[in-house]
């Protein structure tokens, strides 16, 4: 698609983030891509969680890497979720467990064969296993990588094939943005560009920046450290700049924004052709 709707952690506003129920809801809401946070259990199972410690999402505590998958199944991963409208723990006690990567891929393999995936690596050493899974599920043309940590990012780069695009790590992004804000474009050694919507209150993305990235054959992903990309105003601003993908907690809202803009563009194209 021209504009990609990416569900950040499955869109954690409408369901508990990084759980199968969240990813199912995101696709129902019109997501073209799912962003998943990859970690590995003590017994080598790749599971989905942003934080290393499960206390932020479940009724348990402890690091994922120190527990087996079977141990993790004892905890309720819908426990902390609060519905923003009702203010209730609407998924508590509903049997929501930590999600395996293959669980998501199995669910959508047949029903959504064109679904895109963005793997965000939260631990080092996972890349070889993730690449085998990508091969097993034939995801080679539907996958993007990312890692914020420079150390984890380098580990992924050391293993990944060139055909899988990866977005910059925090260090690369900082080295890119500072010169750009002074008027200088420096190329980043990644196949895609991932940019925060703002930093310290200042918006970073611009039409000029997007055009420069496109000139260098890089897709532009925009994410947020907060809820800035959950509203139509900011979404539309980025889409008008020509960004390729917005990573949002509200894929339902972004889907409406994208559809509206696409319809406007089609109508404009139709008028121009008639003239």
C-alpha atoms as a PDB file:
ATOM      1  CA  UNK A   1       0.000   0.000   0.000  1.00  0.00           C
ATOM      2  CA  UNK A   2       1.035   3.611  -0.586  1.00  0.00           C
ATOM      3  CA  UNK A   3       0.505   4.500   3.073  1.00  0.00           C
ATOM      4  CA  UNK A   4       1.121   1.700   5.566  1.00  0.00           C
ATOM      5  CA  UNK A   5      -0.972   1.520   8.751  1.00  0.00           C
ATOM      6  CA  UNK A   6       1.294  -0.073  11.378  1.00  0.00           C
ATOM      7  CA  UNK A   7      -0.130  -1.197  14.725  1.00  0.00           C
ATOM      8  CA  UNK A   8       2.395  -0.364  17.459  1.00  0.00           C
ATOM      9  CA  UNK A   9       2.662  -3.459  19.691  1.00  0.00           C
ATOM     10  CA  UNK A  10      -0.650  -4.484  18.138  1.00  0.00           C
ATOM     11  CA  UNK A  11      -2.318  -1.193  19.064  1.00  0.00           C
ATOM     12  CA  UNK A  12      -2.219  -1.215  22.846  1.00  0.00           C
ATOM     13  CA  UNK A  13      -5.109   1.209  23.371  1.00  0.00           C
ATOM     14  CA  UNK A  14      -7.920  -1.201  22.500  1.00  0.00           C
ATOM     15  CA  UNK A  15      -6.396  -4.428  23.881  1.00  0.00           C
ATOM     16  CA  UNK A  16      -3.352  -5.517  25.931  1.00  0.00           C
ATOM     17  CA  UNK A  17      -0.234  -4.781  23.902  1.00  0.00           C
ATOM     18  CA  UNK A  18       1.777  -7.551  22.237  1.00  0.00           C
ATOM     19  CA  UNK A  19      -0.960 -10.134  22.830  1.00  0.00           C
ATOM     20  CA  UNK A  20      -2.770 -12.157  20.197  1.00  0.00           C
ATOM     21  CA  UNK A  21      -6.058 -10.448  21.036  1.00  0.00           C
ATOM     22  CA  UNK A  22      -4.418  -7.069  20.312  1.00  0.00           C
ATOM     23  CA  UNK A  23      -3.029  -8.190  16.960  1.00  0.00           C
ATOM     24  CA  UNK A  24      -6.394  -9.646  15.929  1.00  0.00           C
ATOM     25  CA  UNK A  25      -8.113  -6.385  16.873  1.00  0.00           C
ATOM     26  CA  UNK A  26      -5.493  -4.365  14.973  1.00  0.00           C
ATOM     27  CA  UNK A  27      -6.066  -6.286  11.753  1.00  0.00           C
ATOM     28  CA  UNK A  28      -9.841  -5.920  12.177  1.00  0.00           C
ATOM     29  CA  UNK A  29      -9.213  -2.188  12.570  1.00  0.00           C
ATOM     30  CA  UNK A  30      -7.388  -2.054   9.244  1.00  0.00           C
ATOM     31  CA  UNK A  31      -3.694  -2.475  10.070  1.00  0.00           C
ATOM     32  CA  UNK A  32      -1.446  -3.323   7.104  1.00  0.00           C
ATOM     33  CA  UNK A  33       1.524  -4.055   9.374  1.00  0.00           C
ATOM     34  CA  UNK A  34       2.047  -5.375  12.883  1.00  0.00           C
ATOM     35  CA  UNK A  35       4.930  -4.157  15.039  1.00  0.00           C
ATOM     36  CA  UNK A  36       6.076  -6.879  17.436  1.00  0.00           C
ATOM     37  CA  UNK A  37       8.658  -6.696  20.242  1.00  0.00           C
ATOM     38  CA  UNK A  38      10.826  -9.827  20.255  1.00  0.00           C
ATOM     39  CA  UNK A  39      12.372 -11.415  23.335  1.00  0.00           C
ATOM     40  CA  UNK A  40      13.469 -14.941  24.146  1.00  0.00           C
ATOM     41  CA  UNK A  41      12.604 -17.103  27.135  1.00  0.00           C
ATOM     42  CA  UNK A  42      15.068 -19.134  29.185  1.00  0.00           C
ATOM     43  CA  UNK A  43      14.249 -22.210  27.087  1.00  0.00           C
ATOM     44  CA  UNK A  44      14.672 -20.392  23.762  1.00  0.00           C
ATOM     45  CA  UNK A  45      11.088 -19.540  22.763  1.00  0.00           C
ATOM     46  CA  UNK A  46      10.632 -16.171  21.026  1.00  0.00           C
ATOM     47  CA  UNK A  47       7.802 -14.310  22.761  1.00  0.00           C
ATOM     48  CA  UNK A  48       6.410 -10.808  22.426  1.00  0.00           C
ATOM     49  CA  UNK A  49       6.943  -8.164  25.082  1.00  0.00           C
ATOM     50  CA  UNK A  50       8.300  -4.635  25.105  1.00  0.00           C
ATOM     51  CA  UNK A  51       9.662  -4.712  28.655  1.00  0.00           C
ATOM     52  CA  UNK A  52      12.176  -7.233  29.960  1.00  0.00           C
ATOM     53  CA  UNK A  53      10.258  -7.541  33.228  1.00  0.00           C
ATOM     54  CA  UNK A  54       6.701  -8.865  33.052  1.00  0.00           C
ATOM     55  CA  UNK A  55       5.442  -6.738  35.970  1.00  0.00           C
ATOM     56  CA  UNK A  56       4.414  -3.858  33.680  1.00  0.00           C
ATOM     57  CA  UNK A  57       1.882  -6.023  31.866  1.00  0.00           C
ATOM     58  CA  UNK A  58       1.021  -9.041  34.017  1.00  0.00           C
ATOM     59  CA  UNK A  59       0.244 -10.068  37.582  1.00  0.00           C
ATOM     60  CA  UNK A  60       3.751 -11.513  37.939  1.00  0.00           C
ATOM     61  CA  UNK A  61       7.300 -10.196  38.064  1.00  0.00           C
ATOM     62  CA  UNK A  62      10.714 -11.221  36.819  1.00  0.00           C
ATOM     63  CA  UNK A  63      12.674 -11.073  33.585  1.00  0.00           C
ATOM     64  CA  UNK A  64      11.473 -13.018  30.567  1.00  0.00           C
ATOM     65  CA  UNK A  65      14.964 -14.319  29.840  1.00  0.00           C
ATOM     66  CA  UNK A  66      15.111 -15.938  33.298  1.00  0.00           C
ATOM     67  CA  UNK A  67      11.839 -17.873  32.923  1.00  0.00           C
ATOM     68  CA  UNK A  68      10.734 -20.735  30.716  1.00  0.00           C
ATOM     69  CA  UNK A  69       7.750 -20.386  28.433  1.00  0.00           C
ATOM     70  CA  UNK A  70       5.762 -22.774  30.644  1.00  0.00           C
ATOM     71  CA  UNK A  71       6.512 -20.631  33.694  1.00  0.00           C
ATOM     72  CA  UNK A  72       5.355 -17.511  31.865  1.00  0.00           C
ATOM     73  CA  UNK A  73       2.020 -19.175  31.062  1.00  0.00           C
ATOM     74  CA  UNK A  74       1.147 -18.927  34.765  1.00  0.00           C
ATOM     75  CA  UNK A  75       0.668 -15.169  34.510  1.00  0.00           C
ATOM     76  CA  UNK A  76      -2.229 -13.031  33.289  1.00  0.00           C
ATOM     77  CA  UNK A  77      -0.992 -10.718  30.509  1.00  0.00           C
ATOM     78  CA  UNK A  78      -4.277  -8.850  30.411  1.00  0.00           C
ATOM     79  CA  UNK A  79      -3.976  -7.944  34.079  1.00  0.00           C
ATOM     80  CA  UNK A  80      -2.619  -4.384  33.799  1.00  0.00           C
ATOM     81  CA  UNK A  81      -4.662  -3.222  30.812  1.00  0.00           C
ATOM     82  CA  UNK A  82      -7.152  -0.437  31.538  1.00  0.00           C
ATOM     83  CA  UNK A  83      -9.824   0.446  28.997  1.00  0.00           C
ATOM     84  CA  UNK A  84      -9.388   4.180  28.276  1.00  0.00           C
ATOM     85  CA  UNK A  85     -13.156   4.721  28.020  1.00  0.00           C
ATOM     86  CA  UNK A  86     -14.559   2.631  30.875  1.00  0.00           C
ATOM     87  CA  UNK A  87     -11.423   2.890  33.075  1.00  0.00           C
ATOM     88  CA  UNK A  88     -11.899  -0.800  33.914  1.00  0.00           C
ATOM     89  CA  UNK A  89      -9.521  -3.757  33.768  1.00  0.00           C
ATOM     90  CA  UNK A  90     -11.587  -5.208  30.962  1.00  0.00           C
ATOM     91  CA  UNK A  91      -9.167  -8.019  30.029  1.00  0.00           C
ATOM     92  CA  UNK A  92      -8.196  -9.108  33.541  1.00  0.00           C
ATOM     93  CA  UNK A  93      -8.952 -12.769  34.185  1.00  0.00           C
ATOM     94  CA  UNK A  94      -9.767 -13.469  30.527  1.00  0.00           C
ATOM     95  CA  UNK A  95      -7.050 -16.082  30.063  1.00  0.00           C
ATOM     96  CA  UNK A  96      -4.662 -13.875  28.082  1.00  0.00           C
ATOM     97  CA  UNK A  97      -1.157 -15.319  28.164  1.00  0.00           C
ATOM     98  CA  UNK A  98       2.196 -14.176  26.851  1.00  0.00           C
ATOM     99  CA  UNK A  99       2.248 -14.513  23.066  1.00  0.00           C
ATOM    100  CA  UNK A 100       4.711 -16.561  21.026  1.00  0.00           C
ATOM    101  CA  UNK A 101       5.885 -15.060  17.735  1.00  0.00           C
ATOM    102  CA  UNK A 102       4.793 -18.172  15.852  1.00  0.00           C
ATOM    103  CA  UNK A 103       1.343 -17.917  17.454  1.00  0.00           C
ATOM    104  CA  UNK A 104       0.733 -14.630  15.621  1.00  0.00           C
ATOM    105  CA  UNK A 105       2.178 -15.889  12.347  1.00  0.00           C
ATOM    106  CA  UNK A 106       0.098 -19.074  12.506  1.00  0.00           C
ATOM    107  CA  UNK A 107      -3.091 -17.107  13.086  1.00  0.00           C
ATOM    108  CA  UNK A 108      -2.661 -14.797  10.081  1.00  0.00           C
ATOM    109  CA  UNK A 109      -0.791 -17.098   7.697  1.00  0.00           C
ATOM    110  CA  UNK A 110      -3.833 -18.097   5.649  1.00  0.00           C
ATOM    111  CA  UNK A 111      -6.343 -15.354   6.395  1.00  0.00           C
ATOM    112  CA  UNK A 112      -3.970 -12.407   5.752  1.00  0.00           C
ATOM    113  CA  UNK A 113      -1.232 -13.530   3.324  1.00  0.00           C
ATOM    114  CA  UNK A 114      -0.222  -9.918   2.533  1.00  0.00           C
ATOM    115  CA  UNK A 115       0.123  -8.732   6.134  1.00  0.00           C
ATOM    116  CA  UNK A 116       3.421  -6.944   6.823  1.00  0.00           C
ATOM    117  CA  UNK A 117       5.534  -7.353   9.954  1.00  0.00           C
ATOM    118  CA  UNK A 118       8.013  -5.132  11.782  1.00  0.00           C
ATOM    119  CA  UNK A 119      10.210  -7.071  14.200  1.00  0.00           C
ATOM    120  CA  UNK A 120      11.620  -4.852  16.967  1.00  0.00           C
ATOM    121  CA  UNK A 121      14.425  -6.766  18.686  1.00  0.00           C
ATOM    122  CA  UNK A 122      14.658  -6.263  22.457  1.00  0.00           C
ATOM    123  CA  UNK A 123      17.414  -8.829  23.111  1.00  0.00           C
ATOM    124  CA  UNK A 124      20.678  -9.785  21.423  1.00  0.00           C
ATOM    125  CA  UNK A 125      21.112 -13.216  19.901  1.00  0.00           C
ATOM    126  CA  UNK A 126      17.545 -13.666  18.657  1.00  0.00           C
ATOM    127  CA  UNK A 127      18.201 -12.838  14.991  1.00  0.00           C
ATOM    128  CA  UNK A 128      19.241 -16.332  13.776  1.00  0.00           C
ATOM    129  CA  UNK A 129      16.090 -17.936  15.213  1.00  0.00           C
ATOM    130  CA  UNK A 130      13.921 -15.093  13.897  1.00  0.00           C
ATOM    131  CA  UNK A 131      15.412 -15.487  10.418  1.00  0.00           C
ATOM    132  CA  UNK A 132      14.637 -19.201  10.449  1.00  0.00           C
ATOM    133  CA  UNK A 133      11.031 -18.408  11.368  1.00  0.00           C
ATOM    134  CA  UNK A 134      10.863 -15.853   8.544  1.00  0.00           C
ATOM    135  CA  UNK A 135      12.026 -18.554   6.133  1.00  0.00           C
ATOM    136  CA  UNK A 136       9.585 -21.109   7.531  1.00  0.00           C
ATOM    137  CA  UNK A 137       6.647 -18.733   7.060  1.00  0.00           C
ATOM    138  CA  UNK A 138       7.858 -17.256   3.738  1.00  0.00           C
ATOM    139  CA  UNK A 139       7.886 -13.693   5.084  1.00  0.00           C
ATOM    140  CA  UNK A 140      10.962 -12.583   3.115  1.00  0.00           C
ATOM    141  CA  UNK A 141       9.058  -9.899   1.172  1.00  0.00           C
ATOM    142  CA  UNK A 142       6.861  -8.762   4.074  1.00  0.00           C
ATOM    143  CA  UNK A 143       9.327  -8.029   6.854  1.00  0.00           C
ATOM    144  CA  UNK A 144      11.158  -5.047   8.360  1.00  0.00           C
ATOM    145  CA  UNK A 145      13.594  -5.027  11.276  1.00  0.00           C
ATOM    146  CA  UNK A 146      14.375  -2.526  13.986  1.00  0.00           C
ATOM    147  CA  UNK A 147      16.323  -2.261  17.251  1.00  0.00           C
ATOM    148  CA  UNK A 148      16.767   0.868  19.364  1.00  0.00           C
ATOM    149  CA  UNK A 149      19.829  -0.393  21.244  1.00  0.00           C
ATOM    150  CA  UNK A 150      23.049   0.006  19.171  1.00  0.00           C
ATOM    151  CA  UNK A 151      24.405  -3.267  20.582  1.00  0.00           C
ATOM    152  CA  UNK A 152      21.273  -5.266  19.727  1.00  0.00           C
ATOM    153  CA  UNK A 153      21.016  -3.480  16.359  1.00  0.00           C
ATOM    154  CA  UNK A 154      24.572  -4.481  15.413  1.00  0.00           C
ATOM    155  CA  UNK A 155      23.857  -8.067  16.397  1.00  0.00           C
ATOM    156  CA  UNK A 156      20.839  -8.097  14.082  1.00  0.00           C
ATOM    157  CA  UNK A 157      22.787  -6.468  11.229  1.00  0.00           C
ATOM    158  CA  UNK A 158      25.522  -9.105  11.585  1.00  0.00           C
ATOM    159  CA  UNK A 159      22.984 -11.839  10.826  1.00  0.00           C
ATOM    160  CA  UNK A 160      20.337 -10.355   8.565  1.00  0.00           C
ATOM    161  CA  UNK A 161      20.390 -10.659   4.755  1.00  0.00           C
ATOM    162  CA  UNK A 162      20.504  -7.432   2.727  1.00  0.00           C
ATOM    163  CA  UNK A 163      16.964  -7.840   1.418  1.00  0.00           C
ATOM    164  CA  UNK A 164      15.423  -7.246   4.869  1.00  0.00           C
ATOM    165  CA  UNK A 165      15.330  -3.481   5.564  1.00  0.00           C
ATOM    166  CA  UNK A 166      16.254  -2.251   9.041  1.00  0.00           C
ATOM    167  CA  UNK A 167      15.610   1.149  10.614  1.00  0.00           C
ATOM    168  CA  UNK A 168      18.334   3.088  12.506  1.00  0.00           C
ATOM    169  CA  UNK A 169      19.253   2.574  16.137  1.00  0.00           C
ATOM    170  CA  UNK A 170      19.234   5.444  18.649  1.00  0.00           C
ATOM    171  CA  UNK A 171      22.870   6.390  18.023  1.00  0.00           C
ATOM    172  CA  UNK A 172      22.495   6.411  14.230  1.00  0.00           C
ATOM    173  CA  UNK A 173      19.342   8.468  14.494  1.00  0.00           C
ATOM    174  CA  UNK A 174      20.972  11.058  16.726  1.00  0.00           C
ATOM    175  CA  UNK A 175      23.938  11.380  14.351  1.00  0.00           C
ATOM    176  CA  UNK A 176      21.504  11.865  11.473  1.00  0.00           C
ATOM    177  CA  UNK A 177      19.094  14.326  13.096  1.00  0.00           C
ATOM    178  CA  UNK A 178      21.554  16.836  14.567  1.00  0.00           C
ATOM    179  CA  UNK A 179      23.191  17.703  11.215  1.00  0.00           C
ATOM    180  CA  UNK A 180      19.825  17.649   9.438  1.00  0.00           C
ATOM    181  CA  UNK A 181      18.406  20.248  11.828  1.00  0.00           C
ATOM    182  CA  UNK A 182      21.336  22.447  10.770  1.00  0.00           C
ATOM    183  CA  UNK A 183      20.581  21.884   7.085  1.00  0.00           C
ATOM    184  CA  UNK A 184      22.859  18.943   6.276  1.00  0.00           C
ATOM    185  CA  UNK A 185      21.674  15.522   5.089  1.00  0.00           C
ATOM    186  CA  UNK A 186      23.938  12.645   6.111  1.00  0.00           C
ATOM    187  CA  UNK A 187      23.152   9.191   4.804  1.00  0.00           C
ATOM    188  CA  UNK A 188      22.505   6.433   7.355  1.00  0.00           C
ATOM    189  CA  UNK A 189      23.717   2.891   6.707  1.00  0.00           C
ATOM    190  CA  UNK A 190      20.245   1.389   6.956  1.00  0.00           C
ATOM    191  CA  UNK A 191      17.747   0.386   4.275  1.00  0.00           C
ATOM    192  CA  UNK A 192      14.842   2.277   5.898  1.00  0.00           C
ATOM    193  CA  UNK A 193      14.459   5.391   8.027  1.00  0.00           C
ATOM    194  CA  UNK A 194      12.605   5.372  11.347  1.00  0.00           C
ATOM    195  CA  UNK A 195      11.938   8.829  12.780  1.00  0.00           C
ATOM    196  CA  UNK A 196      10.257  10.047  15.958  1.00  0.00           C
ATOM    197  CA  UNK A 197       7.387  12.465  15.352  1.00  0.00           C
ATOM    198  CA  UNK A 198       8.945  14.931  17.800  1.00  0.00           C
ATOM    199  CA  UNK A 199      11.801  15.305  20.233  1.00  0.00           C
ATOM    200  CA  UNK A 200      11.817  17.619  23.258  1.00  0.00           C
ATOM    201  CA  UNK A 201       8.648  19.248  21.977  1.00  0.00           C
ATOM    202  CA  UNK A 202       9.951  19.976  18.462  1.00  0.00           C
ATOM    203  CA  UNK A 203       8.572  18.231  15.397  1.00  0.00           C
ATOM    204  CA  UNK A 204      11.297  16.463  13.436  1.00  0.00           C
ATOM    205  CA  UNK A 205       9.651  15.264  10.255  1.00  0.00           C
ATOM    206  CA  UNK A 206       9.333  17.517   7.209  1.00  0.00           C
ATOM    207  CA  UNK A 207       8.548  17.176   3.516  1.00  0.00           C
ATOM    208  CA  UNK A 208      12.187  17.988   2.734  1.00  0.00           C
ATOM    209  CA  UNK A 209      13.410  15.205   5.012  1.00  0.00           C
ATOM    210  CA  UNK A 210      10.996  12.676   3.509  1.00  0.00           C
ATOM    211  CA  UNK A 211      12.038  13.659  -0.012  1.00  0.00           C
ATOM    212  CA  UNK A 212      15.721  13.287   0.871  1.00  0.00           C
ATOM    213  CA  UNK A 213      15.102   9.824   2.302  1.00  0.00           C
ATOM    214  CA  UNK A 214      13.150   8.799  -0.789  1.00  0.00           C
ATOM    215  CA  UNK A 215      15.958  10.087  -3.022  1.00  0.00           C
ATOM    216  CA  UNK A 216      18.211   7.660  -1.159  1.00  0.00           C
ATOM    217  CA  UNK A 217      15.733   4.782  -1.690  1.00  0.00           C
ATOM    218  CA  UNK A 218      14.661   4.653   1.963  1.00  0.00           C
ATOM    219  CA  UNK A 219      11.120   4.061   3.174  1.00  0.00           C
ATOM    220  CA  UNK A 220      10.170   6.468   5.958  1.00  0.00           C
ATOM    221  CA  UNK A 221       8.601   5.131   9.155  1.00  0.00           C
ATOM    222  CA  UNK A 222       7.391   7.586  11.800  1.00  0.00           C
ATOM    223  CA  UNK A 223       6.808   6.577  15.415  1.00  0.00           C
ATOM    224  CA  UNK A 224       6.091   8.395  18.660  1.00  0.00           C
ATOM    225  CA  UNK A 225       7.254   8.274  22.279  1.00  0.00           C
ATOM    226  CA  UNK A 226       3.705   9.115  23.394  1.00  0.00           C
ATOM    227  CA  UNK A 227       0.214   9.327  21.920  1.00  0.00           C
ATOM    228  CA  UNK A 228       0.947  11.984  19.282  1.00  0.00           C
ATOM    229  CA  UNK A 229       0.234   9.629  16.379  1.00  0.00           C
ATOM    230  CA  UNK A 230      -3.137   8.499  17.685  1.00  0.00           C
ATOM    231  CA  UNK A 231      -4.998  11.568  16.375  1.00  0.00           C
ATOM    232  CA  UNK A 232      -6.035  12.412  12.829  1.00  0.00           C
ATOM    233  CA  UNK A 233      -4.432  15.864  12.749  1.00  0.00           C
ATOM    234  CA  UNK A 234      -0.866  14.617  13.209  1.00  0.00           C
ATOM    235  CA  UNK A 235      -1.504  11.567  11.059  1.00  0.00           C
ATOM    236  CA  UNK A 236      -2.738  13.711   8.177  1.00  0.00           C
ATOM    237  CA  UNK A 237       0.193  16.101   8.507  1.00  0.00           C
ATOM    238  CA  UNK A 238       2.650  13.215   8.050  1.00  0.00           C
ATOM    239  CA  UNK A 239       0.730  11.608   5.209  1.00  0.00           C
ATOM    240  CA  UNK A 240       0.664  14.928   3.338  1.00  0.00           C
ATOM    241  CA  UNK A 241       4.466  14.984   3.649  1.00  0.00           C
ATOM    242  CA  UNK A 242       4.604  11.608   1.907  1.00  0.00           C
ATOM    243  CA  UNK A 243       5.757   9.330   4.752  1.00  0.00           C
ATOM    244  CA  UNK A 244       5.426   5.639   3.913  1.00  0.00           C
ATOM    245  CA  UNK A 245       4.373   4.247   7.294  1.00  0.00           C
ATOM    246  CA  UNK A 246       2.966   5.578  10.565  1.00  0.00           C
ATOM    247  CA  UNK A 247       3.375   3.453  13.689  1.00  0.00           C
ATOM    248  CA  UNK A 248       0.362   4.086  15.918  1.00  0.00           C
ATOM    249  CA  UNK A 249      -1.479   2.734  18.947  1.00  0.00           C
ATOM    250  CA  UNK A 250      -4.750   3.503  17.124  1.00  0.00           C
ATOM    251  CA  UNK A 251      -4.732   1.718  13.758  1.00  0.00           C
ATOM    252  CA  UNK A 252      -8.511   2.235  13.600  1.00  0.00           C
ATOM    253  CA  UNK A 253      -8.078   6.020  13.588  1.00  0.00           C
ATOM    254  CA  UNK A 254      -5.167   5.916  11.139  1.00  0.00           C
ATOM    255  CA  UNK A 255      -7.122   3.622   8.807  1.00  0.00           C
ATOM    256  CA  UNK A 256      -9.879   6.236   8.560  1.00  0.00           C
ATOM    257  CA  UNK A 257      -7.326   8.994   7.950  1.00  0.00           C
ATOM    258  CA  UNK A 258      -5.521   7.029   5.241  1.00  0.00           C
ATOM    259  CA  UNK A 259      -8.762   6.036   3.495  1.00  0.00           C
ATOM    260  CA  UNK A 260      -9.970   9.638   3.487  1.00  0.00           C
ATOM    261  CA  UNK A 261      -6.719  10.981   2.038  1.00  0.00           C
ATOM    262  CA  UNK A 262      -6.533   8.204  -0.557  1.00  0.00           C
ATOM    263  CA  UNK A 263     -10.073   9.028  -1.648  1.00  0.00           C
ATOM    264  CA  UNK A 264      -9.195  12.725  -1.942  1.00  0.00           C
ATOM    265  CA  UNK A 265      -6.106  11.889  -4.001  1.00  0.00           C
ATOM    266  CA  UNK A 266      -8.133   9.631  -6.300  1.00  0.00           C
ATOM    267  CA  UNK A 267     -10.712  12.365  -6.818  1.00  0.00           C
ATOM    268  CA  UNK A 268      -7.947  14.890  -7.580  1.00  0.00           C
ATOM    269  CA  UNK A 269      -6.324  12.512 -10.046  1.00  0.00           C
ATOM    270  CA  UNK A 270      -9.686  11.982 -11.728  1.00  0.00           C
ATOM    271  CA  UNK A 271     -10.255  15.711 -12.125  1.00  0.00           C
ATOM    272  CA  UNK A 272      -6.765  16.248 -13.544  1.00  0.00           C
ATOM    273  CA  UNK A 273      -7.249  13.424 -16.077  1.00  0.00           C
ATOM    274  CA  UNK A 274     -10.587  14.886 -17.235  1.00  0.00           C
ATOM    275  CA  UNK A 275      -8.974  18.275 -17.698  1.00  0.00           C
END
